[in-house]
Each structure stands twice: as C-alpha cells, then as structure tokens.
Amino acid sequence: MTDHTVTAYDEELTALKSRIAEMGGLAETIVNNSVTALVTQDLGLAQSMIDHDVRLDELQQDVEVKIVEIIARRQPMGSDLREIMAAGRIANDLERVGDLAKNVSKRVIAIDNDLQSKKLSIGVEHIAELALAQLKEVLDAYTKRDAATASHVRERDSEVDAIYTSLFRELLTYMMEDPRNITQCAHLLFCAKNLERIGDHATNIAENVYWMTTGERLEDERPKVDETGVTDKENA
C-alpha cells in the first residue's frame, strides 16, 4: 500500500471504532434512562428512550455498510480482519441491548403509573446496575483492546443470572401473597429478564473483544445460573 492508501485505511478503521463507541454510549444511556423511567414512573422519559433506539438501529446499519466497503476495498487479513469482523458482531449486540432497554421503557408505559410499591422495583434496579457495569467495562475493554478485562466480564455473567433467579422467586412470592401485585410484578419480571439478557450481550461482546485481541476463543463453557426455566418470548 502507498502511504496515502495506508492513511485512508487507518481513517476507515478509526471511523468504524468511532461508530462502535457512539453505539456503546447510546446503548448505556438507553438502558440507564429506561430503568430510571421505570423506578420514577416517568412516561415521558420512557417514550424518549423508545425514540432514541431508532438512532441505535441507524448506527448499526451504518456499521454494516462500512464493514462491507472496507472488506471490498482493502481485503484485510489477520488482526485487521478480526477487528473488522468483531466490530460487526459487537454492533449487533449493542443493537440488541437497545431493543431490550426499549422493551423496559415499553413496560413503563404499560404500567402507566400503577407501580404501587417502590420496594418491588429494588431488585430490578440491582440487576440494571450489574448489567450496566458489565456493559461499561466491556466497552472500555474494546477501546483499550484489553483481553484480560474482557475475560473478567465474561466470568461475571453468573452474578446477573443469580440476581435474576433470586428476584424471580421474590416477585412470585409477592404475587402469591396478594393477587393485587400480579400485574405489576409480571411487568417487573419482564423488565428483569430484559436486563438479564443485556448482561448476556455484554458477555458476547467480551468474547468477541478477547478473540479480536488474541486471535483465540475462550474455550470453557459460559456458566449460566438462570434456574427459573422461563423463556423470554418477548425477545425471542
């Protein structure tokens, strides 16, 4: 490659990384604000986050186009090809994170100020904190090409699963104790499952960051501790 071509190629890779960073920041915002909307019953904020998800979809599509253009124009190999392919996979995971957070906001609107006890939402807040911490940490690992941190994020996935299982049982108990809790607890269970799935996508990103950085796969099976046996059809 000529110096001009190398410079142009570097700029294309930088632009791709920039799109992933923008997607990551937006995904974090949507998750955080959707949970805030749930806890505070802020219908306006919830609707705003639903609208914000459109931008995340646009960025994901832009990343796909850029990847096709780079591969067609530059025919990358080795670590460059891994970086480009990982970016596409990470963009897909971040788009799904946005969808899951959007579903939380939709539940806020469905509840429509009928969350009668803040105590019921405390467990959901806890799952959100853990999932957001995972997401932030793995996005930092992507920026820094930090395989060790990516591996650590993957190992922590069981924490979110364990909290979700515990919350599932707690909310079922509330529903059995008082039938008036059934509707709001059902909505909260869907919210909690969405957040647990966000943790799974953070783990997917961690695996791709590790592969991008080292060229190797994390071979050991990812531990799962969701013992509820519930399939989240809303996100299937």
Protein backbone atom coordinates (compact mmCIF):
# COMPACT_ATOMS: atom_id res chain seq x y z
CA MET A 1 0.00 0.00 0.00
CA THR A 2 1.09 3.57 -0.64
CA ASP A 3 1.32 5.99 2.27
CA HIS A 4 -1.90 7.62 1.07
CA THR A 5 -3.70 4.27 0.98
CA VAL A 6 -2.45 3.31 4.44
CA THR A 7 -3.60 6.64 5.85
CA ALA A 8 -7.03 6.26 4.25
CA TYR A 9 -7.31 2.70 5.60
CA ASP A 10 -6.39 3.85 9.12
CA GLU A 11 -9.04 6.57 8.87
CA GLU A 12 -11.65 3.99 7.84
CA LEU A 13 -10.80 1.77 10.82
CA THR A 14 -10.89 4.80 13.13
CA ALA A 15 -14.32 5.76 11.79
CA LEU A 16 -15.54 2.21 12.42
CA LYS A 17 -14.29 2.30 16.02
CA SER A 18 -15.95 5.69 16.45
CA ARG A 19 -19.31 4.27 15.39
CA ILE A 20 -18.97 1.42 17.89
CA ALA A 21 -18.09 3.90 20.63
CA GLU A 22 -21.13 6.02 19.75
CA MET A 23 -23.35 2.95 19.79
CA GLY A 24 -21.94 1.89 23.16
CA GLY A 25 -22.54 5.28 24.74
CA LEU A 26 -26.08 5.45 23.36
CA ALA A 27 -26.87 1.89 24.50
CA GLU A 28 -25.70 2.71 28.03
CA THR A 29 -27.86 5.84 28.06
CA ILE A 30 -30.97 4.00 26.90
CA VAL A 31 -30.53 1.25 29.49
CA ASN A 32 -29.86 3.67 32.34
CA ASN A 33 -32.71 6.03 31.48
CA SER A 34 -35.18 3.21 30.83
CA VAL A 35 -34.60 1.87 34.33
CA THR A 36 -34.82 5.40 35.76
CA ALA A 37 -38.13 5.81 33.95
CA LEU A 38 -39.32 2.54 35.49
CA VAL A 39 -38.40 3.50 39.03
CA THR A 40 -39.74 7.06 38.80
CA GLN A 41 -42.67 6.14 36.53
CA ASP A 42 -41.60 8.85 34.10
CA LEU A 43 -43.65 8.13 30.98
CA GLY A 44 -42.05 10.98 29.03
CA LEU A 45 -38.55 9.65 29.64
CA ALA A 46 -39.69 6.15 28.70
CA GLN A 47 -41.08 7.37 25.37
CA SER A 48 -37.90 9.33 24.73
CA MET A 49 -35.80 6.19 25.15
CA ILE A 50 -38.07 4.29 22.75
CA ASP A 51 -37.43 7.05 20.21
CA HIS A 52 -33.67 7.02 20.90
CA ASP A 53 -33.47 3.36 19.91
CA VAL A 54 -34.07 4.38 16.28
CA ARG A 55 -30.67 6.11 16.24
CA LEU A 56 -29.02 2.93 17.54
CA ASP A 57 -30.57 0.95 14.70
CA GLU A 58 -29.29 3.51 12.19
CA LEU A 59 -25.76 3.30 13.58
CA GLN A 60 -25.79 -0.49 13.42
CA GLN A 61 -26.82 -0.36 9.76
CA ASP A 62 -24.08 2.20 9.10
CA VAL A 63 -21.51 -0.12 10.67
CA GLU A 64 -22.64 -2.97 8.41
CA VAL A 65 -22.22 -0.79 5.31
CA LYS A 66 -18.77 0.41 6.40
CA ILE A 67 -17.61 -3.15 7.05
CA VAL A 68 -18.68 -4.31 3.59
CA GLU A 69 -16.95 -1.31 1.99
CA ILE A 70 -13.70 -1.85 3.93
CA ILE A 71 -13.54 -5.57 3.14
CA ALA A 72 -14.30 -4.98 -0.54
CA ARG A 73 -11.80 -2.13 -0.88
CA ARG A 74 -8.93 -3.28 1.38
CA GLN A 75 -9.21 -7.09 1.61
CA PRO A 76 -7.88 -7.07 5.20
CA MET A 77 -6.18 -10.09 6.77
CA GLY A 78 -5.05 -11.24 10.19
CA SER A 79 -5.64 -8.91 13.12
CA ASP A 80 -7.20 -6.24 10.90
CA LEU A 81 -9.82 -8.68 9.65
CA ARG A 82 -10.56 -9.84 13.21
CA GLU A 83 -11.01 -6.24 14.31
CA ILE A 84 -13.44 -5.53 11.49
CA MET A 85 -15.46 -8.72 12.00
CA ALA A 86 -15.55 -8.19 15.77
CA ALA A 87 -16.85 -4.66 15.24
CA GLY A 88 -19.78 -6.05 13.26
CA ARG A 89 -20.63 -8.59 15.92
CA ILE A 90 -20.34 -6.04 18.70
CA ALA A 91 -22.59 -3.63 16.79
CA ASN A 92 -25.22 -6.37 16.55
CA ASP A 93 -25.04 -6.99 20.29
CA LEU A 94 -25.34 -3.28 21.06
CA GLU A 95 -28.37 -3.00 18.77
CA ARG A 96 -29.99 -5.85 20.72
CA VAL A 97 -29.12 -4.13 24.01
CA GLY A 98 -31.04 -1.11 22.72
CA ASP A 99 -34.03 -3.29 21.84
CA LEU A 100 -34.04 -4.86 25.29
CA ALA A 101 -33.81 -1.49 27.02
CA LYS A 102 -36.59 -0.20 24.76
CA ASN A 103 -38.74 -3.09 25.96
CA VAL A 104 -38.23 -1.90 29.53
CA SER A 105 -39.48 1.55 28.53
CA LYS A 106 -42.48 -0.01 26.83
CA ARG A 107 -43.28 -1.77 30.11
CA VAL A 108 -43.12 1.59 31.90
CA ILE A 109 -45.82 2.88 29.60
CA ALA A 110 -47.85 -0.31 30.07
CA ILE A 111 -47.64 0.02 33.87
CA ASP A 112 -48.86 3.64 33.47
CA ASN A 113 -48.08 4.90 36.99
CA ASP A 114 -49.53 1.78 38.61
CA LEU A 115 -46.28 0.72 40.34
CA GLN A 116 -47.68 0.80 43.86
CA SER A 117 -44.54 -0.07 45.82
CA LYS A 118 -41.00 1.08 45.08
CA LYS A 119 -39.83 -1.91 47.10
CA LEU A 120 -40.89 -4.15 44.22
CA SER A 121 -38.50 -2.39 41.81
CA ILE A 122 -35.38 -2.54 44.01
CA GLY A 123 -34.30 -5.92 42.63
CA VAL A 124 -34.74 -4.68 39.06
CA GLU A 125 -32.52 -1.69 39.87
CA HIS A 126 -29.87 -4.06 41.22
CA ILE A 127 -29.86 -6.15 38.04
CA ALA A 128 -29.64 -2.95 35.99
CA GLU A 129 -26.61 -1.76 37.99
CA LEU A 130 -24.78 -5.04 37.40
CA ALA A 131 -25.69 -5.23 33.71
CA LEU A 132 -24.64 -1.60 33.14
CA ALA A 133 -21.36 -2.18 34.97
CA GLN A 134 -20.66 -5.16 32.70
CA LEU A 135 -21.53 -3.16 29.61
CA LYS A 136 -19.35 -0.20 30.56
CA GLU A 137 -16.42 -2.42 31.49
CA VAL A 138 -16.54 -4.44 28.29
CA LEU A 139 -16.82 -1.32 26.13
CA ASP A 140 -13.73 0.05 27.88
CA ALA A 141 -12.02 -3.28 27.16
CA TYR A 142 -12.91 -2.90 23.48
CA THR A 143 -11.46 0.60 23.33
CA LYS A 144 -8.26 -0.45 25.10
CA ARG A 145 -8.01 -3.88 23.42
CA ASP A 146 -7.87 -5.38 26.92
CA ALA A 147 -8.31 -9.16 26.71
CA ALA A 148 -7.91 -9.71 30.46
CA THR A 149 -10.77 -7.35 31.31
CA ALA A 150 -12.94 -8.92 28.61
CA SER A 151 -12.34 -12.34 30.13
CA HIS A 152 -13.22 -10.98 33.58
CA VAL A 153 -16.53 -9.55 32.32
CA ARG A 154 -17.42 -12.93 30.87
CA GLU A 155 -16.75 -14.65 34.19
CA ARG A 156 -19.07 -12.20 35.99
CA ASP A 157 -22.13 -13.11 33.90
CA SER A 158 -23.24 -15.58 36.57
CA GLU A 159 -23.75 -12.68 39.04
CA VAL A 160 -26.53 -11.20 36.92
CA ASP A 161 -28.09 -14.64 36.40
CA ALA A 162 -28.09 -15.33 40.13
CA ILE A 163 -29.73 -11.99 40.96
CA TYR A 164 -32.37 -12.56 38.30
CA THR A 165 -33.19 -16.02 39.67
CA SER A 166 -33.49 -14.59 43.18
CA LEU A 167 -35.71 -11.72 42.01
CA PHE A 168 -37.90 -14.09 40.02
CA ARG A 169 -38.65 -16.08 43.15
CA GLU A 170 -39.20 -12.93 45.22
CA LEU A 171 -41.71 -11.47 42.78
CA LEU A 172 -43.55 -14.79 42.54
CA THR A 173 -43.87 -14.72 46.33
CA TYR A 174 -45.36 -11.22 46.20
CA MET A 175 -47.87 -12.38 43.60
CA MET A 176 -48.95 -15.36 45.69
CA GLU A 177 -49.25 -13.27 48.85
CA ASP A 178 -51.50 -10.63 47.27
CA PRO A 179 -53.25 -11.02 43.88
CA ARG A 180 -53.27 -7.21 43.55
CA ASN A 181 -49.50 -7.46 42.96
CA ILE A 182 -49.81 -9.80 39.98
CA THR A 183 -49.95 -7.25 37.17
CA GLN A 184 -47.13 -5.01 38.34
CA CYS A 185 -44.94 -7.98 39.32
CA ALA A 186 -45.47 -9.55 35.90
CA HIS A 187 -44.30 -6.33 34.24
CA LEU A 188 -41.27 -6.20 36.54
CA LEU A 189 -40.41 -9.81 35.71
CA PHE A 190 -40.33 -8.94 32.01
CA CYS A 191 -38.13 -5.91 32.80
CA ALA A 192 -35.77 -8.06 34.86
CA LYS A 193 -35.50 -10.64 32.08
CA ASN A 194 -34.67 -7.92 29.56
CA LEU A 195 -31.89 -6.67 31.84
CA GLU A 196 -30.57 -10.20 32.40
CA ARG A 197 -30.36 -10.58 28.61
CA ILE A 198 -28.41 -7.31 28.40
CA GLY A 199 -25.85 -8.99 30.66
CA ASP A 200 -25.70 -11.86 28.17
CA HIS A 201 -24.99 -9.46 25.32
CA ALA A 202 -22.24 -7.80 27.35
CA THR A 203 -20.75 -11.27 27.71
CA ASN A 204 -21.00 -11.83 23.95
CA ILE A 205 -19.11 -8.58 23.42
CA ALA A 206 -16.47 -9.72 25.92
CA GLU A 207 -15.92 -12.94 23.97
CA ASN A 208 -15.50 -11.01 20.73
CA VAL A 209 -13.11 -8.48 22.30
CA TYR A 210 -10.99 -11.39 23.58
CA TRP A 211 -10.97 -13.03 20.13
CA MET A 212 -10.25 -9.72 18.38
CA THR A 213 -7.30 -9.05 20.67
CA THR A 214 -5.73 -12.51 21.00
CA GLY A 215 -6.94 -14.43 17.96
CA GLU A 216 -8.12 -17.16 20.35
CA ARG A 217 -11.51 -18.23 21.64
CA LEU A 218 -12.45 -18.60 25.28
CA GLU A 219 -12.95 -22.34 25.25
CA ASP A 220 -14.56 -23.03 28.61
CA GLU A 221 -18.35 -23.11 28.61
CA ARG A 222 -20.01 -19.94 29.83
CA PRO A 223 -21.71 -20.62 33.20
CA LYS A 224 -25.47 -19.97 33.37
CA VAL A 225 -27.34 -19.73 36.66
CA ASP A 226 -30.86 -18.82 35.47
CA GLU A 227 -32.86 -21.54 37.20
CA THR A 228 -36.30 -20.11 36.50
CA GLY A 229 -36.87 -22.15 33.36
CA VAL A 230 -38.63 -19.18 31.80
CA THR A 231 -38.12 -18.35 28.12
CA ASP A 232 -38.40 -14.69 27.30
CA LYS A 233 -40.72 -14.86 24.27
CA GLU A 234 -40.84 -11.06 24.11
CA ASN A 235 -37.23 -11.06 22.87
CA ALA A 236 -37.14 -14.37 21.03
